[in-house]
Amino acid sequence: MAGHRAVNRVWRHPRPKGAAGRCVGARSDLPVDPRKTKRLAHRLRAHARRHGLPRAVVTSPLRRAADVGRWLRRWGFAWTVDPTLAEIDFGAWDGLPWAAIPPARFDAWVQDFAGFDFEGGESLHRLLERAGAWVPPPGCALAVSHGGWMLARRWRQTQPERPPQAADWPAAPGYGEAWPLDYRKP
């Protein structure tokens, strides 16, 4: 696996249907246009072929990521589902329109950005720990996950001792965008 270190990638899933204006996390298992799913699977397959990677992929269990793994499995890839790759669990907020979240609760989150418990979900601090500690399965250099997970992993790798503040949290990667699994500041 060490020989593939430079080409280990995590892709953000394709744009899900019905996500606009909603708080979408681990409890919102939204569908994706099958054409977009297949298109992203083609990109992963081409990346593996181009770099001589093992035909293996690991995905989040949420269908917006897992459907990419299903396509790759049809094409002969080994596919593993790992709940560690799931998006943050927004608890009672998950699936709600952002406008339906009481402003006082939203302000409480902004004030305690990393520690806020999403009413039955998980805090950003817990997502940071989960994403930062994740190790790809042996023989696997490709993953499909979520924007929040990808941001949390990069944060842990570049600023492990610094708790994030709402004002510092970067924008999520684009849908279908790939990032190195092991990111280091230039």
C-alpha atoms as a PDB file:
ATOM      1  CA  MET A   1       0.000   0.000   0.000  1.00  0.00           C
ATOM      2  CA  ALA A   2       2.869   2.383   0.698  1.00  0.00           C
ATOM      3  CA  GLY A   3       3.721   2.481  -2.997  1.00  0.00           C
ATOM      4  CA  HIS A   4       0.272   3.956  -3.705  1.00  0.00           C
ATOM      5  CA  ARG A   5       0.539   6.712  -1.092  1.00  0.00           C
ATOM      6  CA  ALA A   6       0.792   9.544  -3.641  1.00  0.00           C
ATOM      7  CA  VAL A   7      -2.398   8.511  -5.406  1.00  0.00           C
ATOM      8  CA  ASN A   8      -4.666   7.656  -2.453  1.00  0.00           C
ATOM      9  CA  ARG A   9      -7.775   9.732  -3.037  1.00  0.00           C
ATOM     10  CA  VAL A  10     -11.113  10.391  -1.429  1.00  0.00           C
ATOM     11  CA  TRP A  11     -13.905  11.623  -3.673  1.00  0.00           C
ATOM     12  CA  ARG A  12     -16.939  13.542  -2.550  1.00  0.00           C
ATOM     13  CA  HIS A  13     -20.135  11.838  -3.663  1.00  0.00           C
ATOM     14  CA  PRO A  14     -22.215  13.285  -6.535  1.00  0.00           C
ATOM     15  CA  ARG A  15     -24.813  15.976  -5.805  1.00  0.00           C
ATOM     16  CA  PRO A  16     -27.810  14.357  -4.068  1.00  0.00           C
ATOM     17  CA  LYS A  17     -31.394  15.070  -5.029  1.00  0.00           C
ATOM     18  CA  GLY A  18     -33.421  17.111  -2.542  1.00  0.00           C
ATOM     19  CA  ALA A  19     -30.501  18.572  -0.573  1.00  0.00           C
ATOM     20  CA  ALA A  20     -30.898  22.242  -1.506  1.00  0.00           C
ATOM     21  CA  GLY A  21     -31.667  24.390   1.517  1.00  0.00           C
ATOM     22  CA  ARG A  22     -31.597  21.455   3.927  1.00  0.00           C
ATOM     23  CA  CYS A  23     -29.287  20.326   6.695  1.00  0.00           C
ATOM     24  CA  VAL A  24     -27.979  17.091   5.200  1.00  0.00           C
ATOM     25  CA  GLY A  25     -25.922  14.691   7.281  1.00  0.00           C
ATOM     26  CA  ALA A  26     -25.653  11.038   8.227  1.00  0.00           C
ATOM     27  CA  ARG A  27     -29.405  10.531   8.683  1.00  0.00           C
ATOM     28  CA  SER A  28     -30.375  11.984   5.296  1.00  0.00           C
ATOM     29  CA  ASP A  29     -29.880   9.100   2.907  1.00  0.00           C
ATOM     30  CA  LEU A  30     -30.689  11.022  -0.260  1.00  0.00           C
ATOM     31  CA  PRO A  31     -30.640   9.561  -3.771  1.00  0.00           C
ATOM     32  CA  VAL A  32     -28.334  10.691  -6.567  1.00  0.00           C
ATOM     33  CA  ASP A  33     -29.034  10.811 -10.292  1.00  0.00           C
ATOM     34  CA  PRO A  34     -27.808   7.389 -11.520  1.00  0.00           C
ATOM     35  CA  ARG A  35     -25.996   9.012 -14.452  1.00  0.00           C
ATOM     36  CA  LYS A  36     -23.945  11.173 -12.081  1.00  0.00           C
ATOM     37  CA  THR A  37     -23.171   8.157  -9.925  1.00  0.00           C
ATOM     38  CA  LYS A  38     -21.994   6.145 -12.920  1.00  0.00           C
ATOM     39  CA  ARG A  39     -19.962   9.109 -14.205  1.00  0.00           C
ATOM     40  CA  LEU A  40     -18.086   9.385 -10.890  1.00  0.00           C
ATOM     41  CA  ALA A  41     -17.529   5.618 -10.842  1.00  0.00           C
ATOM     42  CA  HIS A  42     -15.974   5.916 -14.327  1.00  0.00           C
ATOM     43  CA  ARG A  43     -13.612   8.590 -12.994  1.00  0.00           C
ATOM     44  CA  LEU A  44     -12.503   6.388 -10.098  1.00  0.00           C
ATOM     45  CA  ARG A  45     -12.006   3.419 -12.412  1.00  0.00           C
ATOM     46  CA  ALA A  46      -9.918   5.550 -14.797  1.00  0.00           C
ATOM     47  CA  HIS A  47      -7.845   6.889 -11.881  1.00  0.00           C
ATOM     48  CA  ALA A  48      -7.145   3.353 -10.655  1.00  0.00           C
ATOM     49  CA  ARG A  49      -6.178   2.203 -14.140  1.00  0.00           C
ATOM     50  CA  ARG A  50      -3.965   5.245 -14.805  1.00  0.00           C
ATOM     51  CA  HIS A  51      -2.035   4.796 -11.547  1.00  0.00           C
ATOM     52  CA  GLY A  52      -1.946   0.995 -11.451  1.00  0.00           C
ATOM     53  CA  LEU A  53      -3.988   0.889  -8.245  1.00  0.00           C
ATOM     54  CA  PRO A  54      -5.745  -2.143  -6.823  1.00  0.00           C
ATOM     55  CA  ARG A  55      -9.328  -2.518  -8.014  1.00  0.00           C
ATOM     56  CA  ALA A  56     -10.758  -1.761  -4.596  1.00  0.00           C
ATOM     57  CA  VAL A  57     -12.899   1.032  -3.185  1.00  0.00           C
ATOM     58  CA  VAL A  58     -14.293   1.854   0.247  1.00  0.00           C
ATOM     59  CA  THR A  59     -17.377   4.045   0.674  1.00  0.00           C
ATOM     60  CA  SER A  60     -19.644   5.542   3.258  1.00  0.00           C
ATOM     61  CA  PRO A  61     -22.820   3.494   3.791  1.00  0.00           C
ATOM     62  CA  LEU A  62     -24.996   6.432   2.700  1.00  0.00           C
ATOM     63  CA  ARG A  63     -26.337   5.754  -0.760  1.00  0.00           C
ATOM     64  CA  ARG A  64     -25.031   9.010  -2.259  1.00  0.00           C
ATOM     65  CA  ALA A  65     -21.546   7.504  -1.753  1.00  0.00           C
ATOM     66  CA  ALA A  66     -22.334   3.777  -1.705  1.00  0.00           C
ATOM     67  CA  ASP A  67     -23.991   3.838  -5.132  1.00  0.00           C
ATOM     68  CA  VAL A  68     -20.572   4.673  -6.617  1.00  0.00           C
ATOM     69  CA  GLY A  69     -19.190   1.547  -4.931  1.00  0.00           C
ATOM     70  CA  ARG A  70     -22.054  -0.505  -6.349  1.00  0.00           C
ATOM     71  CA  TRP A  71     -21.116   0.553  -9.886  1.00  0.00           C
ATOM     72  CA  LEU A  72     -17.467  -0.241  -9.308  1.00  0.00           C
ATOM     73  CA  ARG A  73     -18.372  -3.662  -7.906  1.00  0.00           C
ATOM     74  CA  ARG A  74     -20.253  -4.394 -11.150  1.00  0.00           C
ATOM     75  CA  TRP A  75     -16.992  -3.661 -12.979  1.00  0.00           C
ATOM     76  CA  GLY A  76     -14.945  -6.082 -10.872  1.00  0.00           C
ATOM     77  CA  PHE A  77     -13.803  -3.878  -7.984  1.00  0.00           C
ATOM     78  CA  ALA A  78     -13.777  -5.103  -4.415  1.00  0.00           C
ATOM     79  CA  TRP A  79     -16.171  -2.809  -2.533  1.00  0.00           C
ATOM     80  CA  THR A  80     -16.105  -2.217   1.213  1.00  0.00           C
ATOM     81  CA  VAL A  81     -18.608  -0.128   3.175  1.00  0.00           C
ATOM     82  CA  ASP A  82     -17.204   1.666   6.211  1.00  0.00           C
ATOM     83  CA  PRO A  83     -19.469   3.702   8.545  1.00  0.00           C
ATOM     84  CA  THR A  84     -16.404   5.703   9.622  1.00  0.00           C
ATOM     85  CA  LEU A  85     -16.646   7.509   6.255  1.00  0.00           C
ATOM     86  CA  ALA A  86     -20.212   8.747   6.920  1.00  0.00           C
ATOM     87  CA  GLU A  87     -21.100  12.419   7.074  1.00  0.00           C
ATOM     88  CA  ILE A  88     -21.501  14.161  10.432  1.00  0.00           C
ATOM     89  CA  ASP A  89     -24.672  13.172  12.269  1.00  0.00           C
ATOM     90  CA  PHE A  90     -26.693  16.366  12.681  1.00  0.00           C
ATOM     91  CA  GLY A  91     -29.112  14.576  15.005  1.00  0.00           C
ATOM     92  CA  ALA A  92     -32.552  16.189  15.210  1.00  0.00           C
ATOM     93  CA  TRP A  93     -31.475  18.811  12.658  1.00  0.00           C
ATOM     94  CA  ASP A  94     -30.729  16.258   9.955  1.00  0.00           C
ATOM     95  CA  GLY A  95     -33.038  16.672   6.978  1.00  0.00           C
ATOM     96  CA  LEU A  96     -34.639  19.892   8.218  1.00  0.00           C
ATOM     97  CA  PRO A  97     -34.676  23.033   6.101  1.00  0.00           C
ATOM     98  CA  TRP A  98     -31.989  25.359   7.478  1.00  0.00           C
ATOM     99  CA  ALA A  99     -34.717  27.990   7.947  1.00  0.00           C
ATOM    100  CA  ALA A 100     -36.577  25.633  10.342  1.00  0.00           C
ATOM    101  CA  ILE A 101     -33.689  25.534  12.816  1.00  0.00           C
ATOM    102  CA  PRO A 102     -34.340  28.047  15.610  1.00  0.00           C
ATOM    103  CA  PRO A 103     -31.903  30.980  15.357  1.00  0.00           C
ATOM    104  CA  ALA A 104     -30.913  30.594  19.020  1.00  0.00           C
ATOM    105  CA  ARG A 105     -29.854  26.955  18.409  1.00  0.00           C
ATOM    106  CA  PHE A 106     -27.951  27.930  15.280  1.00  0.00           C
ATOM    107  CA  ASP A 107     -26.171  30.706  17.226  1.00  0.00           C
ATOM    108  CA  ALA A 108     -25.294  28.206  19.976  1.00  0.00           C
ATOM    109  CA  TRP A 109     -23.630  26.018  17.335  1.00  0.00           C
ATOM    110  CA  VAL A 110     -21.628  28.945  15.962  1.00  0.00           C
ATOM    111  CA  GLN A 111     -20.470  29.832  19.498  1.00  0.00           C
ATOM    112  CA  ASP A 112     -19.364  26.258  20.281  1.00  0.00           C
ATOM    113  CA  PHE A 113     -18.606  25.146  16.738  1.00  0.00           C
ATOM    114  CA  ALA A 114     -16.514  22.055  17.526  1.00  0.00           C
ATOM    115  CA  GLY A 115     -18.261  21.013  20.742  1.00  0.00           C
ATOM    116  CA  PHE A 116     -21.935  21.560  19.926  1.00  0.00           C
ATOM    117  CA  ASP A 117     -23.995  18.374  20.253  1.00  0.00           C
ATOM    118  CA  PHE A 118     -26.642  18.229  17.541  1.00  0.00           C
ATOM    119  CA  GLU A 119     -29.471  16.996  19.774  1.00  0.00           C
ATOM    120  CA  GLY A 120     -28.843  13.286  19.467  1.00  0.00           C
ATOM    121  CA  GLY A 121     -26.155  13.533  16.794  1.00  0.00           C
ATOM    122  CA  GLU A 122     -22.423  13.985  17.055  1.00  0.00           C
ATOM    123  CA  SER A 123     -20.260  17.032  17.599  1.00  0.00           C
ATOM    124  CA  LEU A 124     -17.773  18.296  15.045  1.00  0.00           C
ATOM    125  CA  HIS A 125     -15.084  17.318  17.552  1.00  0.00           C
ATOM    126  CA  ARG A 126     -16.206  13.680  17.278  1.00  0.00           C
ATOM    127  CA  LEU A 127     -16.240  13.877  13.474  1.00  0.00           C
ATOM    128  CA  LEU A 128     -12.707  15.330  13.567  1.00  0.00           C
ATOM    129  CA  GLU A 129     -11.548  12.373  15.670  1.00  0.00           C
ATOM    130  CA  ARG A 130     -13.326   9.834  13.453  1.00  0.00           C
ATOM    131  CA  ALA A 131     -12.080  11.266  10.151  1.00  0.00           C
ATOM    132  CA  GLY A 132      -8.567  11.910  11.424  1.00  0.00           C
ATOM    133  CA  ALA A 133      -8.101   8.375  12.753  1.00  0.00           C
ATOM    134  CA  TRP A 134      -9.461   6.568   9.685  1.00  0.00           C
ATOM    135  CA  VAL A 135      -7.035   4.265   7.880  1.00  0.00           C
ATOM    136  CA  PRO A 136      -7.858   2.804   4.449  1.00  0.00           C
ATOM    137  CA  PRO A 137      -8.262  -0.969   4.358  1.00  0.00           C
ATOM    138  CA  PRO A 138      -5.165  -2.826   3.136  1.00  0.00           C
ATOM    139  CA  GLY A 139      -4.941  -2.825  -0.644  1.00  0.00           C
ATOM    140  CA  CYS A 140      -7.404   0.040  -1.084  1.00  0.00           C
ATOM    141  CA  ALA A 141      -6.408   3.479  -2.389  1.00  0.00           C
ATOM    142  CA  LEU A 142      -9.853   4.849  -3.344  1.00  0.00           C
ATOM    143  CA  ALA A 143     -12.628   6.150  -1.094  1.00  0.00           C
ATOM    144  CA  VAL A 144     -15.958   7.923  -1.552  1.00  0.00           C
ATOM    145  CA  SER A 145     -17.192  10.034   1.335  1.00  0.00           C
ATOM    146  CA  HIS A 146     -18.794  13.395   2.144  1.00  0.00           C
ATOM    147  CA  GLY A 147     -17.853  17.058   2.222  1.00  0.00           C
ATOM    148  CA  GLY A 148     -17.926  17.379   6.017  1.00  0.00           C
ATOM    149  CA  TRP A 149     -15.843  14.227   6.461  1.00  0.00           C
ATOM    150  CA  MET A 150     -13.274  15.433   3.917  1.00  0.00           C
ATOM    151  CA  LEU A 151     -13.006  18.842   5.607  1.00  0.00           C
ATOM    152  CA  ALA A 152     -12.636  17.221   9.032  1.00  0.00           C
ATOM    153  CA  ARG A 153      -9.880  14.906   7.805  1.00  0.00           C
ATOM    154  CA  ARG A 154      -7.944  17.741   6.206  1.00  0.00           C
ATOM    155  CA  TRP A 155      -8.372  19.896   9.330  1.00  0.00           C
ATOM    156  CA  ARG A 156      -6.954  17.128  11.535  1.00  0.00           C
ATOM    157  CA  GLN A 157      -4.009  16.633   9.209  1.00  0.00           C
ATOM    158  CA  THR A 158      -3.106  20.313   8.899  1.00  0.00           C
ATOM    159  CA  GLN A 159      -4.174  21.767  12.268  1.00  0.00           C
ATOM    160  CA  PRO A 160      -4.450  18.844  14.681  1.00  0.00           C
ATOM    161  CA  GLU A 161      -4.147  20.892  17.857  1.00  0.00           C
ATOM    162  CA  ARG A 162      -6.388  23.785  16.822  1.00  0.00           C
ATOM    163  CA  PRO A 163     -10.137  23.461  17.388  1.00  0.00           C
ATOM    164  CA  PRO A 164     -12.038  24.941  14.445  1.00  0.00           C
ATOM    165  CA  GLN A 165     -14.175  28.030  14.782  1.00  0.00           C
ATOM    166  CA  ALA A 166     -17.177  28.657  12.542  1.00  0.00           C
ATOM    167  CA  ALA A 167     -15.454  31.625  10.881  1.00  0.00           C
ATOM    168  CA  ASP A 168     -12.425  29.453   9.995  1.00  0.00           C
ATOM    169  CA  TRP A 169     -14.275  26.455   8.582  1.00  0.00           C
ATOM    170  CA  PRO A 170     -13.603  26.224   4.831  1.00  0.00           C
ATOM    171  CA  ALA A 171     -16.122  25.583   2.087  1.00  0.00           C
ATOM    172  CA  ALA A 172     -16.808  21.947   1.257  1.00  0.00           C
ATOM    173  CA  PRO A 173     -15.169  20.371  -1.784  1.00  0.00           C
ATOM    174  CA  GLY A 174     -17.281  20.286  -4.916  1.00  0.00           C
ATOM    175  CA  TYR A 175     -19.461  17.289  -5.648  1.00  0.00           C
ATOM    176  CA  GLY A 176     -17.326  14.648  -7.351  1.00  0.00           C
ATOM    177  CA  GLU A 177     -14.102  16.420  -6.333  1.00  0.00           C
ATOM    178  CA  ALA A 178     -11.097  14.311  -5.281  1.00  0.00           C
ATOM    179  CA  TRP A 179      -8.642  15.154  -2.518  1.00  0.00           C
ATOM    180  CA  PRO A 180      -5.517  13.310  -1.370  1.00  0.00           C
ATOM    181  CA  LEU A 181      -6.276  11.119   1.639  1.00  0.00           C
ATOM    182  CA  ASP A 182      -3.051  12.223   3.277  1.00  0.00           C
ATOM    183  CA  TYR A 183      -2.905  15.981   2.834  1.00  0.00           C
ATOM    184  CA  ARG A 184       0.104  17.955   3.964  1.00  0.00           C
ATOM    185  CA  LYS A 185       0.480  21.711   3.801  1.00  0.00           C
ATOM    186  CA  PRO A 186       2.746  22.770   0.926  1.00  0.00           C
END
